[in-house]
Protein backbone atom coordinates (compact mmCIF):
# COMPACT_ATOMS: atom_id res chain seq x y z
CA MET A 1 0.05 -0.17 -0.36
CA PRO A 2 1.40 3.44 -0.95
CA ARG A 3 2.04 5.70 1.61
CA PRO A 4 0.47 9.26 1.78
CA HIS A 5 2.57 12.21 0.20
CA THR A 6 2.86 13.99 3.70
CA THR A 7 4.52 10.68 5.06
CA MET A 8 6.80 10.57 2.33
CA ARG A 9 7.83 14.14 2.69
CA LYS A 10 8.50 13.40 6.38
CA ILE A 11 10.73 10.60 5.44
CA ARG A 12 12.79 13.15 3.14
CA ASP A 13 13.17 15.65 5.77
CA VAL A 14 14.31 12.70 8.20
CA LEU A 15 17.03 12.04 5.52
CA ARG A 16 17.98 15.76 5.06
CA LEU A 17 18.30 16.71 8.58
CA ARG A 18 20.19 13.07 9.60
CA LEU A 19 22.41 12.59 6.37
CA GLY A 20 22.73 16.18 5.48
CA ASP A 21 22.78 18.33 8.40
CA GLN A 22 24.08 15.45 10.89
CA LEU A 23 21.79 16.01 13.50
CA SER A 24 21.12 13.25 16.23
CA LEU A 25 18.13 11.29 16.11
CA ARG A 26 16.26 13.11 19.10
CA GLN A 27 17.13 16.52 17.24
CA VAL A 28 15.57 15.25 14.32
CA ALA A 29 12.60 13.83 16.18
CA LEU A 30 12.18 17.26 18.02
CA SER A 31 12.37 19.25 14.87
CA LEU A 32 9.79 17.11 12.90
CA ALA A 33 7.61 16.34 16.13
CA ILE A 34 7.69 12.47 15.45
CA PRO A 35 8.85 9.72 17.86
CA HIS A 36 12.51 9.24 17.76
CA THR A 37 12.01 5.59 17.43
CA THR A 38 10.35 6.28 13.97
CA VAL A 39 13.34 8.54 13.01
CA ALA A 40 15.71 5.84 13.94
CA ASP A 41 13.84 3.33 11.96
CA TYR A 42 13.72 5.44 8.70
CA VAL A 43 17.77 6.04 9.11
CA ARG A 44 18.11 2.26 9.53
CA ARG A 45 16.03 1.32 6.11
CA ALA A 46 18.17 4.03 4.15
CA ARG A 47 21.31 2.55 5.29
CA VAL A 48 20.24 -0.66 4.46
CA ALA A 49 19.10 0.30 1.17
CA GLY A 50 22.48 1.88 0.55
CA ILE A 51 21.54 5.46 1.10
CA ASP A 52 24.27 7.59 3.07
CA SER A 53 24.32 10.82 1.85
CA TRP A 54 22.16 13.82 0.98
CA PRO A 55 21.17 14.76 -1.48
CA LEU A 56 19.79 11.86 -2.69
CA PRO A 57 20.49 10.26 -6.22
CA GLU A 58 18.65 11.31 -9.22
CA GLU A 59 16.69 7.94 -9.45
CA LEU A 60 15.31 8.53 -5.82
CA SER A 61 13.74 11.78 -6.90
CA ASP A 62 10.22 10.26 -7.21
CA ASP A 63 8.27 9.29 -4.17
CA ASP A 64 7.26 5.73 -5.55
CA ALA A 65 11.28 4.82 -6.18
CA LEU A 66 12.14 6.02 -2.71
CA GLU A 67 9.30 4.24 -0.84
CA ALA A 68 10.10 0.91 -2.93
CA ARG A 69 13.82 1.31 -2.12
CA LEU A 70 12.99 1.97 1.60
CA PHE A 71 9.77 -0.34 2.30
CA GLY A 72 10.39 -2.96 -0.57
CA PRO A 73 11.06 -6.65 0.13
CA ILE A 74 14.97 -6.28 0.04
CA ALA A 75 14.93 -3.33 2.59
CA SER A 76 12.73 -5.36 4.78
CA ALA A 77 15.32 -8.19 4.97
CA PRO A 78 16.96 -8.20 8.56
CA ARG A 79 21.05 -6.90 8.41
CA VAL A 80 23.19 -9.53 10.17
CA ARG A 81 25.63 -7.65 12.37
CA PRO A 82 28.42 -8.74 14.47
CA GLU A 83 27.40 -9.41 17.95
CA PRO A 84 29.55 -7.67 20.78
CA ASP A 85 31.30 -10.09 23.50
CA PHE A 86 28.99 -8.91 26.15
CA ALA A 87 30.92 -11.25 28.72
CA THR A 88 34.13 -9.62 27.78
CA MET A 89 32.47 -6.23 28.00
CA LYS A 90 31.46 -6.66 31.48
CA ARG A 91 35.07 -7.71 32.71
CA GLU A 92 36.24 -4.74 31.18
CA LEU A 93 33.69 -2.30 32.67
CA ALA A 94 35.04 -3.42 36.41
CA LYS A 95 38.50 -2.26 35.49
CA LYS A 96 39.35 1.51 36.54
CA GLY A 97 38.71 4.30 33.82
CA MET A 98 36.83 1.94 31.35
CA THR A 99 33.97 3.56 29.65
CA MET A 100 31.03 2.05 27.25
CA MET A 101 32.19 4.75 25.00
CA LEU A 102 35.61 3.49 24.59
CA LEU A 103 34.25 -0.18 24.37
CA TRP A 104 32.15 1.00 21.41
CA VAL A 105 34.57 2.62 19.45
CA GLU A 106 37.20 -0.20 19.93
CA HIS A 107 34.17 -2.39 18.66
CA LYS A 108 33.47 -0.15 15.55
CA GLU A 109 37.44 -0.17 14.57
CA LEU A 110 37.16 -4.11 14.37
CA HIS A 111 33.35 -4.20 12.66
CA PRO A 112 32.75 -0.88 10.70
CA ASP A 113 29.17 -2.01 9.93
CA GLY A 114 28.48 -2.59 13.67
CA TYR A 115 26.02 -1.28 15.80
CA GLU A 116 25.69 2.61 16.73
CA TYR A 117 26.32 3.59 20.38
CA SER A 118 22.88 3.81 21.31
CA GLN A 119 21.90 0.59 20.12
CA PHE A 120 25.34 -1.16 21.39
CA CYS A 121 24.50 0.32 24.98
CA GLN A 122 20.91 -1.11 24.80
CA LEU A 123 21.73 -4.50 23.97
CA TYR A 124 24.41 -4.33 26.47
CA ARG A 125 21.77 -3.62 28.80
CA ASP A 126 19.26 -6.29 27.78
CA TRP A 127 22.05 -8.76 28.12
CA ARG A 128 22.64 -7.96 31.67
CA LYS A 129 18.94 -8.10 32.52
CA LYS A 130 19.49 -11.96 31.93
CA LEU A 131 21.99 -12.70 34.51
CA ASP A 132 21.46 -13.03 38.39
CA VAL A 133 20.87 -10.17 40.47
CA THR A 134 24.44 -10.07 41.96
CA MET A 135 25.96 -10.60 38.54
CA ARG A 136 24.16 -7.36 37.58
CA GLN A 137 25.71 -5.34 39.92
CA ASP A 138 28.60 -3.12 38.65
CA HIS A 139 31.48 -3.69 41.15
CA LYS A 140 34.93 -1.59 40.19
CA ALA A 141 37.94 -3.53 40.42
CA GLY A 142 39.55 -3.91 43.96
CA GLU A 143 36.97 -1.42 45.35
CA LYS A 144 34.61 -3.65 47.52
CA MET A 145 35.11 -6.66 49.96
CA PHE A 146 31.77 -7.90 51.53
CA VAL A 147 32.02 -9.89 54.71
CA ASP A 148 29.44 -11.67 56.73
CA PHE A 149 28.68 -15.07 59.04
CA PRO A 150 26.25 -17.76 57.61
CA GLY A 151 23.58 -18.90 60.19
CA LEU A 152 24.94 -22.22 60.12
CA ARG A 153 27.85 -23.33 62.71
CA ILE A 154 30.50 -26.19 62.45
CA PRO A 155 31.06 -28.40 65.71
CA ILE A 156 34.42 -28.85 66.82
CA TYR A 157 34.60 -32.10 68.53
CA ASP A 158 36.47 -33.16 71.75
CA GLU A 159 39.13 -35.84 70.87
CA ARG A 160 38.66 -37.77 74.06
CA ASP A 161 35.25 -38.29 74.02
CA LEU A 162 34.52 -36.73 70.93
CA THR A 163 31.57 -34.54 72.40
CA VAL A 164 31.05 -31.37 70.76
CA SER A 165 33.50 -28.96 72.37
CA PHE A 166 32.32 -25.95 70.85
CA ARG A 167 30.54 -24.88 67.52
CA ALA A 168 32.97 -22.75 65.07
CA GLU A 169 31.77 -19.57 63.12
CA LEU A 170 32.45 -19.61 59.21
CA PHE A 171 33.65 -16.07 58.08
CA VAL A 172 33.25 -15.32 54.54
CA ALA A 173 34.62 -12.68 52.47
CA VAL A 174 34.00 -11.88 48.63
CA LEU A 175 35.43 -9.43 46.42
CA GLY A 176 32.85 -7.44 44.57
CA ALA A 177 34.18 -7.31 40.79
CA SER A 178 35.57 -11.06 40.36
CA SER A 179 33.37 -12.55 43.25
CA TYR A 180 36.74 -14.30 44.77
CA LEU A 181 35.69 -16.41 47.85
CA TYR A 182 37.65 -16.41 51.10
CA ALA A 183 36.39 -18.48 54.01
CA GLU A 184 37.88 -19.00 57.29
CA ALA A 185 36.34 -20.91 60.64
CA LEU A 186 36.58 -19.00 63.86
CA ARG A 187 36.16 -19.57 67.65
CA SER A 188 33.44 -17.24 67.80
CA GLN A 189 32.25 -13.74 66.37
CA GLU A 190 34.27 -11.75 68.89
CA LEU A 191 36.09 -8.62 68.20
CA VAL A 192 39.47 -10.09 68.09
CA HIS A 193 38.57 -13.17 65.98
CA TRP A 194 36.58 -10.62 63.79
CA CYS A 195 39.55 -8.41 63.12
CA HIS A 196 42.17 -11.29 62.71
CA ALA A 197 39.85 -13.00 60.03
CA HIS A 198 39.74 -9.58 58.07
CA GLU A 199 43.80 -9.57 58.22
CA ASN A 200 44.11 -13.04 57.11
CA ALA A 201 41.44 -12.35 54.07
CA PHE A 202 43.73 -9.55 53.10
CA GLU A 203 46.74 -11.50 53.09
CA ALA A 204 44.97 -14.34 51.19
CA TYR A 205 44.18 -11.94 48.59
CA GLY A 206 47.63 -10.28 48.46
CA GLY A 207 46.48 -6.98 48.97
CA CYS A 208 43.75 -4.73 50.62
CA PRO A 209 40.42 -3.39 48.88
CA GLU A 210 39.16 0.16 49.31
CA ILE A 211 36.09 -0.47 51.05
CA CYS A 212 34.70 -3.35 53.32
CA VAL A 213 31.13 -3.75 53.76
CA PRO A 214 30.08 -5.65 56.54
CA ASP A 215 26.53 -6.60 58.02
CA ASN A 216 25.13 -4.99 60.89
CA LEU A 217 26.61 -7.28 63.42
CA ARG A 218 27.75 -6.61 66.64
CA SER A 219 31.33 -7.43 66.32
CA GLY A 220 31.66 -4.83 63.58
CA VAL A 221 28.82 -2.03 63.96
CA THR A 222 28.22 -0.73 67.63
CA LYS A 223 25.20 1.01 66.62
CA PRO A 224 23.00 0.44 63.43
CA HIS A 225 21.99 3.32 61.60
CA ARG A 226 20.26 3.61 58.11
CA TYR A 227 22.68 6.45 57.35
CA GLU A 228 25.38 6.71 59.69
CA ALA A 229 26.26 3.88 61.60
CA ASP A 230 28.19 3.77 64.55
CA VAL A 231 31.61 1.45 63.68
CA ASN A 232 33.12 -0.25 66.58
CA ALA A 233 36.47 1.89 67.68
CA THR A 234 38.99 -1.06 67.52
CA TYR A 235 37.37 -2.44 63.96
CA GLN A 236 37.65 0.99 62.46
CA GLU A 237 41.22 1.32 63.74
CA MET A 238 42.25 -1.84 62.28
CA ALA A 239 40.66 -0.69 58.69
CA GLN A 240 42.62 2.51 59.20
CA TYR A 241 45.90 0.72 59.45
CA TYR A 242 45.15 -1.09 56.21
CA GLY A 243 43.95 1.87 54.52
CA VAL A 244 40.32 0.44 54.31
CA VAL A 245 37.14 2.58 54.46
CA ILE A 246 34.06 0.69 56.32
CA ILE A 247 30.83 1.10 54.78
CA PRO A 248 28.16 -0.91 56.75
CA ALA A 249 25.26 -2.55 54.72
CA ARG A 250 21.99 -0.10 55.40
CA SER A 251 19.31 -2.16 57.38
CA TYR A 252 16.54 -4.04 55.53
CA LYS A 253 18.58 -3.22 52.09
CA PRO A 254 19.22 -6.64 50.93
CA ARG A 255 20.74 -5.38 47.58
CA ASP A 256 23.69 -3.64 49.58
CA LYS A 257 24.93 -7.08 50.46
CA ALA A 258 23.59 -9.34 47.50
CA LYS A 259 27.17 -10.14 46.76
CA VAL A 260 28.03 -11.64 49.86
CA GLU A 261 24.39 -13.32 50.61
CA VAL A 262 25.02 -15.33 47.34
CA ALA A 263 28.63 -15.92 49.03
CA VAL A 264 27.04 -17.15 52.17
CA GLN A 265 24.85 -19.64 50.48
CA ILE A 266 27.69 -20.90 48.24
CA ALA A 267 29.61 -21.38 51.44
CA GLU A 268 26.60 -22.90 53.45
CA ARG A 269 26.19 -25.46 50.43
CA TRP A 270 29.57 -26.13 49.44
CA ILE A 271 31.29 -25.78 52.69
CA ILE A 272 29.44 -26.69 55.70
CA MET A 273 27.13 -29.03 54.12
CA ARG A 274 30.21 -30.91 52.31
CA LEU A 275 31.61 -31.18 56.16
CA ARG A 276 28.48 -32.34 57.46
CA LYS A 277 29.54 -36.03 57.83
CA GLU A 278 33.47 -35.12 58.88
CA ARG A 279 34.29 -34.60 62.34
CA PHE A 280 37.39 -32.19 63.33
CA THR A 281 39.19 -31.78 66.77
CA SER A 282 40.81 -28.54 66.07
CA LEU A 283 40.27 -25.25 63.96
CA GLY A 284 43.72 -26.06 62.29
CA ALA A 285 42.40 -29.27 60.76
CA LEU A 286 38.93 -27.78 59.83
CA ASN A 287 40.60 -24.64 58.10
CA GLU A 288 43.13 -26.69 56.24
CA ARG A 289 39.80 -28.85 54.58
CA ILE A 290 38.04 -25.38 54.30
CA GLY A 291 40.86 -24.28 52.10
CA GLU A 292 40.58 -27.01 49.75
CA LEU A 293 36.83 -26.59 49.26
CA VAL A 294 37.35 -22.52 48.75
CA GLU A 295 40.13 -23.31 45.99
CA MET A 296 37.79 -25.69 44.42
CA ILE A 297 34.68 -22.94 44.40
CA ASN A 298 37.20 -20.48 42.96
CA ASN A 299 38.16 -22.47 40.15
CA ARG A 300 34.97 -23.79 39.24
CA PRO A 301 33.53 -22.27 35.85
CA PHE A 302 30.85 -19.81 35.82
CA LYS A 303 27.43 -20.77 34.55
CA LYS A 304 26.66 -17.63 32.62
CA LEU A 305 29.91 -16.19 32.14
CA GLU A 306 33.15 -17.28 30.80
CA GLY A 307 36.10 -18.06 33.16
CA SER A 308 35.99 -18.68 36.90
CA ARG A 309 36.41 -16.41 40.03
CA ALA A 310 40.02 -17.38 40.22
CA LEU A 311 40.64 -15.92 36.61
CA LEU A 312 38.40 -12.81 37.06
CA PHE A 313 40.67 -12.45 40.19
CA ALA A 314 43.81 -12.87 38.55
CA GLU A 315 42.75 -10.37 35.78
CA ILE A 316 40.95 -7.75 37.41
CA ASP A 317 40.44 -7.45 41.24
CA GLN A 318 44.21 -8.75 42.21
CA PRO A 319 45.99 -5.94 40.13
CA ALA A 320 43.76 -3.02 41.50
CA LEU A 321 44.20 -4.23 45.26
CA ARG A 322 46.29 -1.81 47.48
CA PRO A 323 49.56 -3.14 48.82
CA LEU A 324 49.60 -4.66 52.35
CA PRO A 325 51.47 -2.85 55.40
CA THR A 326 54.93 -4.26 56.14
CA THR A 327 53.39 -5.49 59.41
CA ARG A 328 50.15 -6.73 61.01
CA TYR A 329 48.04 -4.66 63.08
CA ASP A 330 48.70 -4.51 66.78
CA PHE A 331 45.08 -5.53 68.16
CA ALA A 332 43.76 -3.13 70.46
CA THR A 333 40.50 -2.72 72.33
CA TRP A 334 38.77 1.00 72.91
CA THR A 335 36.98 1.77 75.92
CA ARG A 336 36.09 4.97 78.09
CA ALA A 337 36.62 5.27 81.71
CA LYS A 338 35.92 7.88 84.15
CA VAL A 339 39.31 9.52 86.36
CA SER A 340 38.25 8.99 90.11
CA LEU A 341 39.59 11.29 92.64
CA ASP A 342 42.39 9.10 93.19
CA TYR A 343 43.48 10.19 89.55
CA HIS A 344 43.37 6.76 88.75
CA LEU A 345 40.89 5.27 86.15
CA GLN A 346 39.94 1.32 86.21
CA ILE A 347 40.58 -0.76 83.40
CA ASP A 348 40.10 -4.62 83.56
CA ARG A 349 40.12 -4.60 87.00
CA ASN A 350 43.26 -2.50 87.50
CA PHE A 351 44.13 0.88 88.13
CA TYR A 352 46.02 3.15 85.84
CA SER A 353 47.21 6.94 86.51
CA VAL A 354 46.42 10.04 84.66
CA PRO A 355 47.57 13.59 85.22
CA TYR A 356 45.52 14.75 88.39
CA GLY A 357 44.13 17.68 86.29
CA LEU A 358 41.72 15.37 84.43
CA VAL A 359 39.99 13.91 87.59
CA GLY A 360 36.45 13.76 86.81
CA SER A 361 36.95 13.55 82.89
CA VAL A 362 35.88 10.60 80.93
CA LEU A 363 38.61 9.39 78.63
CA ASP A 364 39.19 7.20 76.04
CA VAL A 365 41.42 4.00 76.56
CA ARG A 366 43.20 1.84 74.22
CA THR A 367 44.32 -1.42 75.55
CA SER A 368 46.70 -3.81 73.41
CA ALA A 369 48.63 -7.02 74.46
CA ASN A 370 51.57 -4.87 76.49
CA VAL A 371 50.14 -1.00 76.57
CA VAL A 372 47.50 0.79 78.07
CA GLU A 373 47.22 4.19 76.21
CA ILE A 374 44.88 6.82 77.52
CA PHE A 375 43.48 9.73 75.44
CA ALA A 376 42.07 13.05 76.01
CA LYS A 377 40.13 14.70 73.12
CA ASN A 378 42.54 12.58 70.78
CA ARG A 379 45.64 13.32 72.33
CA ARG A 380 47.50 10.76 74.39
CA VAL A 381 47.82 12.10 78.17
CA ALA A 382 49.40 8.54 79.44
CA SER A 383 50.71 5.17 78.52
CA HIS A 384 51.36 2.46 80.91
CA LYS A 385 52.63 -1.11 80.63
CA ARG A 386 49.64 -3.22 81.20
CA SER A 387 49.36 -5.28 84.19
CA TYR A 388 47.83 -8.80 84.37
CA GLN A 389 47.79 -9.07 88.07
CA LYS A 390 44.21 -8.09 89.31
CA GLY A 391 43.72 -5.00 91.67
CA VAL A 392 46.93 -3.32 90.88
CA ALA A 393 47.43 0.37 90.69
CA VAL A 394 50.24 1.31 88.09
CA THR A 395 51.01 4.98 89.03
CA GLU A 396 53.20 7.32 87.30
CA PRO A 397 54.90 9.72 89.67
CA ALA A 398 54.65 12.81 87.46
CA HIS A 399 50.94 12.26 87.68
CA MET A 400 50.94 12.87 91.25
CA PRO A 401 49.71 16.14 92.66
CA SER A 402 52.23 17.61 94.87
CA SER A 403 51.63 20.85 97.10
CA HIS A 404 48.99 22.43 94.51
CA ARG A 405 46.02 20.20 93.37
CA ARG A 406 43.07 20.92 91.15
CA HIS A 407 41.26 19.20 93.96
CA ALA A 408 43.34 20.84 96.86
CA ALA A 409 39.92 20.50 99.23
CA TRP A 410 40.30 16.40 99.13
CA THR A 411 43.20 15.83 101.24
CA PRO A 412 43.29 12.58 103.95
CA SER A 413 42.65 14.93 107.08
CA ARG A 414 39.73 16.28 105.44
CA ILE A 415 38.40 12.96 104.49
CA VAL A 416 39.26 11.76 108.21
CA ALA A 417 37.55 14.72 109.65
CA TRP A 418 34.41 13.79 107.53
CA ALA A 419 34.43 10.19 108.72
CA SER A 420 34.85 11.62 112.28
CA LYS A 421 31.28 12.89 112.14
CA THR A 422 30.09 9.34 111.60
CA GLY A 423 31.83 8.13 114.55
CA PRO A 424 35.22 7.44 115.96
CA SER A 425 35.53 4.11 114.85
CA THR A 426 34.55 5.02 111.27
CA ALA A 427 37.39 7.83 111.39
CA GLN A 428 39.61 5.47 112.80
CA PHE A 429 39.16 2.83 110.02
CA ILE A 430 39.44 5.51 107.13
CA GLU A 431 42.71 6.30 108.54
CA GLU A 432 43.82 2.52 108.56
CA LEU A 433 42.63 2.23 105.14
CA MET A 434 44.31 4.83 103.64
CA ALA A 435 47.62 4.14 105.52
CA ALA A 436 47.58 0.49 103.86
CA ARG A 437 48.17 2.16 100.64
CA PRO A 438 51.53 3.22 99.34
CA HIS A 439 50.16 6.84 98.58
CA PRO A 440 47.26 8.05 100.61
CA GLU A 441 45.45 9.56 97.67
CA GLN A 442 44.94 5.78 96.19
CA GLY A 443 42.75 5.11 99.24
CA PHE A 444 40.50 8.14 98.32
CA ARG A 445 38.24 5.93 95.99
CA SER A 446 37.53 3.38 98.78
CA ALA A 447 37.24 6.09 101.32
CA LEU A 448 34.63 7.64 99.49
CA GLY A 449 32.81 4.57 99.06
CA VAL A 450 32.90 3.67 102.76
CA LEU A 451 31.54 7.27 103.53
CA ARG A 452 28.48 6.57 100.85
CA LEU A 453 27.17 3.67 102.55
CA GLU A 454 25.80 5.88 105.17
CA LYS A 455 23.16 7.01 102.93
CA HIS A 456 21.72 3.60 102.30
CA TYR A 457 22.54 2.08 106.24
CA GLY A 458 22.36 5.20 108.02
CA PRO A 459 25.41 6.33 110.50
CA GLU A 460 24.55 3.89 113.40
CA ARG A 461 25.13 0.88 111.30
CA LEU A 462 28.05 2.25 109.35
CA GLU A 463 29.87 2.97 112.68
CA LEU A 464 29.10 -0.33 113.97
CA ALA A 465 30.30 -2.24 110.73
CA CYS A 466 33.57 -0.07 110.87
CA ALA A 467 34.44 -1.45 114.54
CA ARG A 468 33.93 -4.84 113.27
CA SER A 469 36.30 -4.52 110.32
CA LEU A 470 38.69 -2.78 112.75
CA ALA A 471 38.47 -5.62 115.27
CA ILE A 472 39.05 -8.37 112.42
CA GLN A 473 41.79 -6.16 110.96
CA SER A 474 40.10 -6.04 107.64
CA PHE A 475 40.70 -2.65 105.72
CA SER A 476 38.99 -2.35 102.37
CA TYR A 477 35.38 -0.99 101.18
CA LYS A 478 34.41 -4.72 100.76
CA SER A 479 34.78 -5.83 104.00
CA VAL A 480 32.43 -2.99 105.13
CA SER A 481 29.72 -3.52 102.54
CA SER A 482 29.72 -6.98 103.49
CA ILE A 483 29.24 -6.65 106.91
CA LEU A 484 26.23 -4.55 106.21
CA GLN A 485 24.85 -6.30 103.57
CA HIS A 486 24.82 -9.51 105.69
CA GLY A 487 23.67 -7.56 108.90
CA LEU A 488 26.74 -8.63 110.89
CA ASP A 489 26.97 -5.02 112.31
CA GLN A 490 23.89 -5.98 114.52
CA ARG A 491 25.26 -8.63 116.06
CA PRO A 492 27.62 -8.59 119.24
CA LEU A 493 31.09 -8.42 118.70
CA ALA A 494 32.73 -11.70 119.98
CA PRO A 495 35.81 -11.50 121.77
CA VAL A 496 38.62 -13.19 120.09
CA PRO A 497 39.16 -16.49 121.91
CA THR A 498 42.29 -17.41 123.77
CA ARG A 499 43.79 -21.09 123.31
CA ALA A 500 44.63 -22.57 126.50
CA ASN A 501 47.32 -25.05 127.15
CA PRO A 502 45.85 -28.67 127.04
CA THR A 503 46.50 -31.09 129.83
CA HIS A 504 47.86 -34.37 128.88
CA SER A 505 49.88 -37.00 130.80
CA ASN A 506 52.89 -36.90 127.98
CA ILE A 507 53.45 -33.16 128.90
CA ARG A 508 55.91 -32.46 131.46
CA GLY A 509 55.24 -29.00 132.64
CA ALA A 510 57.28 -26.06 134.15
CA ASN A 511 58.09 -28.19 137.06
CA TYR A 512 59.92 -30.52 135.06
CA TYR A 513 62.73 -28.27 134.10
CA GLN A 514 63.30 -26.43 137.33
């Protein structure tokens, strides 16, 4: 059926603006007020018919001749064009600096009659839609490492009676671009094991990614939040040491961690389930077996892409990873503690001094295997060798006040005077308590604790409790508190029994030696 004269005029205008004026398809569509898909169809038909310049040849000046050329049976035959290698395109796009435009230029250099840029991009997008969700996500080489724990655990048996000693957690890490997997069995999800597993993963990869994406588990994230999660201070310090940024996955956003969710599923099926009939009596033996299964997973060919995780890792991720530091991170925990009146703060049941001017302040404490470091507003104010004896006061002489003190009112004499208002036994007990310390100031904490017991038990009971503590020669806060809690202060104080000399026929007596 012949087309109307107005339609053929539109077609000629399309060819004039596109082939002659070199306007884009959308510009031609806007100029002529027709859909850009219609413009693309007219231009495609013209190229199939061998029309690639303006003005048109003389033999096409007639509308019927042009219509026959564009819409005849020969023109309607589909044009066979070389298909791009979409799997290779996906791998290339993961590399830094690579763009679709550059891939299209290289494609046109090899195939001059290939697709134009817009159709080239659309075909790639259509191909990506056929992939799994995790494969469709675009991850830059060496950029992200996703980490998580499966819900299932692996039992470790006691080698003596083969009872379950504990159940090991499986740490799973996966790189975004290549999906290269790392897995390791840990004793628990505690912070120390969590950080060491990250270090082992970095060393197995031979480098560090730019970003680490954990789920909102307690070891890594202190307080989950959709926009600004509070990352654990120790975990953050470890990441900074390796030059890695921590960006936790958002809660209820499964696509933020789709990559690791699939990796966890693979680990559950191909590691945990594969090991369900095997028995292990140590983490070392279990991790050796896990290493074999992980190698198998990484070398297994993809189903919908060419190559394997190991090949993609060697080609894409490994060259883009950042170099490892020369030494491993010195694991340390971060806590906060308040400085008491004795200018000491309590860490792990021990006491460490700070400059006495910081009395009453809440400070940050970094505790490693050998050192305790104390910070005020991100400035280190004290450093001590860590003590593993409980109840020890580690004091730096330079931290102790001399004649001038910020809290000059708190002196041993004033505390004793305060105790004398309760009673003479209380005052004497406080004197003995402070005298038992290397420095009286170190007894301030215990002395004030004893005096505060008056608010709960009253002055009369506190006086009786101090008298009993004096009698049994026990000068500590715990002694007085225990007496009051068990009501021993209400009982009469029994005299100390004296041992009489026993009588026996074999004992000679004093007269024998006269």
